[in-house]
Amino acid sequence: MKLAVAMLCVAMCFAQQPYEIHGVVTEPGVGPVSGVEIVVQRRDNQGAGAAQAPVTVATLFTDGRGEYVLRTSTEGAYTVLPAPGTYVVVDLVLAGARLDSTHPRAELNFSMQRLGEIIGRVVDADALAPISGVRLIAIDRQSARLAAIPFL
């Protein structure tokens, strides 16, 4: 009797979450990366008017093999990206997928590069007093990319 109840519970749990997004996060020259925070957002265009703003539905972390899995019972358009901060995406084949009865599963893999760190103080050249609210721009001379640095 207990086995039948347990099997019914397992069957019901899987029946309630028929959709899945999964993938692997890697770093060039390193391989799979564990512990990366992944943010999953859903954007539904259902209802009157324009498309809705994306809503964060889950925050996941990659496991020891760099893998993540989201199981959900809600169909819709999903976007999967790393949380901002320590990594930047360098190779992303597909950032989003639409889950529905025709496409219940999606694989979203991406490669990320660990960000560098800039440490310092901005001071007045004459008085050597700290200056607050300064906007800094970092320039990568090799790729000619610009990046605004948030002032913390």
Protein backbone atom coordinates (compact mmCIF):
# COMPACT_ATOMS: atom_id res chain seq x y z
CA MET A 1 0.00 0.00 0.00
CA LYS A 2 2.80 2.46 0.90
CA LEU A 3 4.63 1.63 -2.33
CA ALA A 4 1.51 2.38 -4.40
CA VAL A 5 1.07 5.77 -2.65
CA ALA A 6 4.75 6.62 -3.20
CA MET A 7 4.55 5.68 -6.89
CA LEU A 8 1.38 7.77 -7.29
CA CYS A 9 3.13 10.77 -5.66
CA VAL A 10 6.15 10.42 -7.95
CA ALA A 11 3.91 10.12 -11.01
CA MET A 12 1.91 13.20 -9.97
CA CYS A 13 5.05 15.25 -9.25
CA PHE A 14 6.45 14.54 -12.72
CA ALA A 15 3.07 15.12 -14.34
CA GLN A 16 2.91 18.61 -12.77
CA GLN A 17 6.31 19.62 -14.23
CA PRO A 18 6.29 18.49 -17.86
CA TYR A 19 8.69 21.18 -19.12
CA GLU A 20 12.47 21.30 -18.73
CA ILE A 21 15.39 23.57 -19.62
CA HIS A 22 18.87 22.17 -19.06
CA GLY A 23 22.41 22.93 -20.12
CA VAL A 24 26.12 23.03 -19.36
CA VAL A 25 28.20 26.10 -18.52
CA THR A 26 31.86 25.98 -19.54
CA GLU A 27 34.88 28.28 -19.43
CA PRO A 28 37.37 28.26 -22.34
CA GLY A 29 40.53 26.38 -21.39
CA VAL A 30 38.97 25.20 -18.11
CA GLY A 31 35.93 23.10 -19.01
CA PRO A 32 32.66 22.82 -17.05
CA VAL A 33 32.25 25.42 -14.29
CA SER A 34 30.50 24.55 -11.02
CA GLY A 35 28.74 26.99 -8.72
CA VAL A 36 27.73 29.51 -11.41
CA GLU A 37 24.52 31.35 -10.52
CA ILE A 38 21.97 31.05 -13.34
CA VAL A 39 18.93 33.33 -13.61
CA VAL A 40 15.85 32.02 -15.43
CA GLN A 41 13.26 34.54 -16.60
CA ARG A 42 9.90 34.03 -18.32
CA ARG A 43 8.26 36.47 -20.70
CA ASP A 44 4.69 35.77 -21.70
CA ASN A 45 3.02 37.60 -24.57
CA GLN A 46 -0.38 36.33 -23.57
CA GLY A 47 -3.16 38.73 -22.74
CA ALA A 48 -4.07 42.16 -24.05
CA GLY A 49 -1.48 44.69 -25.12
CA ALA A 50 2.26 44.53 -25.57
CA ALA A 51 4.69 41.91 -24.33
CA GLN A 52 5.13 41.69 -20.60
CA ALA A 53 8.40 42.47 -18.87
CA PRO A 54 10.44 39.36 -18.03
CA VAL A 55 9.83 37.86 -14.59
CA THR A 56 12.55 35.95 -12.75
CA VAL A 57 11.12 32.52 -12.02
CA ALA A 58 14.19 30.73 -10.68
CA THR A 59 17.78 31.13 -9.61
CA LEU A 60 19.87 27.97 -10.04
CA PHE A 61 23.50 26.98 -9.54
CA THR A 62 25.53 24.70 -11.78
CA ASP A 63 26.59 21.40 -10.23
CA GLY A 64 30.05 19.81 -10.19
CA ARG A 65 29.74 18.97 -13.90
CA GLY A 66 28.71 22.53 -14.84
CA GLU A 67 25.13 21.39 -15.43
CA TYR A 68 21.85 23.05 -14.45
CA VAL A 69 18.23 21.92 -14.78
CA LEU A 70 14.95 23.80 -14.46
CA ARG A 71 11.71 21.82 -14.32
CA THR A 72 8.47 23.77 -14.49
CA SER A 73 4.77 23.25 -15.01
CA THR A 74 4.34 26.57 -16.84
CA GLU A 75 4.79 26.90 -20.57
CA GLY A 76 6.12 30.14 -21.99
CA ALA A 77 9.17 31.94 -23.38
CA TYR A 78 12.20 31.49 -21.10
CA THR A 79 15.59 33.19 -21.03
CA VAL A 80 18.56 31.64 -19.23
CA LEU A 81 21.67 33.70 -18.43
CA PRO A 82 24.34 33.84 -15.75
CA ALA A 83 23.72 36.28 -12.91
CA PRO A 84 25.67 39.50 -13.45
CA GLY A 85 28.92 39.85 -11.59
CA THR A 86 31.81 37.45 -11.93
CA TYR A 87 31.41 36.06 -15.47
CA VAL A 88 30.59 37.34 -18.94
CA VAL A 89 29.10 35.15 -21.67
CA VAL A 90 31.56 34.61 -24.54
CA ASP A 91 29.74 31.96 -26.56
CA LEU A 92 25.99 31.60 -26.45
CA VAL A 93 24.25 29.57 -29.10
CA LEU A 94 20.74 30.20 -27.81
CA ALA A 95 19.75 32.29 -24.76
CA GLY A 96 16.08 31.45 -24.74
CA ALA A 97 13.47 28.90 -25.63
CA ARG A 98 9.72 28.60 -25.81
CA LEU A 99 8.38 25.64 -23.82
CA ASP A 100 5.02 24.24 -24.80
CA SER A 101 3.38 20.89 -25.54
CA THR A 102 5.20 20.68 -28.88
CA HIS A 103 8.60 21.63 -27.38
CA PRO A 104 8.61 20.47 -23.74
CA ARG A 105 12.43 20.46 -23.39
CA ALA A 106 15.26 22.77 -24.38
CA GLU A 107 19.04 22.60 -24.06
CA LEU A 108 20.78 25.96 -23.52
CA ASN A 109 24.58 25.69 -23.21
CA PHE A 110 26.96 28.60 -22.96
CA SER A 111 30.59 29.42 -22.40
CA MET A 112 31.69 32.10 -19.94
CA GLN A 113 34.88 33.93 -19.12
CA ARG A 114 35.73 35.04 -15.58
CA LEU A 115 35.83 38.82 -15.31
CA GLY A 116 38.94 40.64 -14.20
CA GLU A 117 39.01 43.08 -11.33
CA ILE A 118 40.02 46.73 -11.19
CA ILE A 119 40.81 48.13 -7.76
CA GLY A 120 41.73 51.70 -6.95
CA ARG A 121 40.70 55.11 -5.64
CA VAL A 122 39.73 58.22 -7.55
CA VAL A 123 41.23 61.31 -5.93
CA ASP A 124 41.61 64.99 -6.69
CA ALA A 125 45.10 65.43 -8.22
CA ASP A 126 45.90 68.53 -6.14
CA ALA A 127 44.32 67.84 -2.75
CA LEU A 128 44.51 64.01 -2.96
CA ALA A 129 40.99 63.95 -1.52
CA PRO A 130 38.63 61.13 -2.64
CA ILE A 131 36.09 62.07 -5.33
CA SER A 132 32.67 60.40 -5.23
CA GLY A 133 30.19 59.75 -8.03
CA VAL A 134 32.81 59.42 -10.77
CA ARG A 135 31.93 57.39 -13.87
CA LEU A 136 34.85 55.26 -15.07
CA ILE A 137 35.30 53.68 -18.48
CA ALA A 138 37.52 50.63 -19.04
CA ILE A 139 39.02 50.18 -22.50
CA ASP A 140 40.30 46.85 -23.77
CA ARG A 141 43.00 47.98 -26.22
CA GLN A 142 43.20 44.58 -27.93
CA SER A 143 39.54 44.35 -28.87
CA ALA A 144 38.66 48.07 -28.65
CA ARG A 145 35.72 47.24 -26.37
CA LEU A 146 34.45 49.79 -23.86
CA ALA A 147 32.78 48.99 -20.57
CA ALA A 148 31.24 51.34 -18.05
CA ILE A 149 32.32 50.46 -14.54
CA PRO A 150 29.69 50.94 -11.84
CA PHE A 151 30.92 53.03 -8.97
CA LEU A 152 30.47 51.13 -5.71
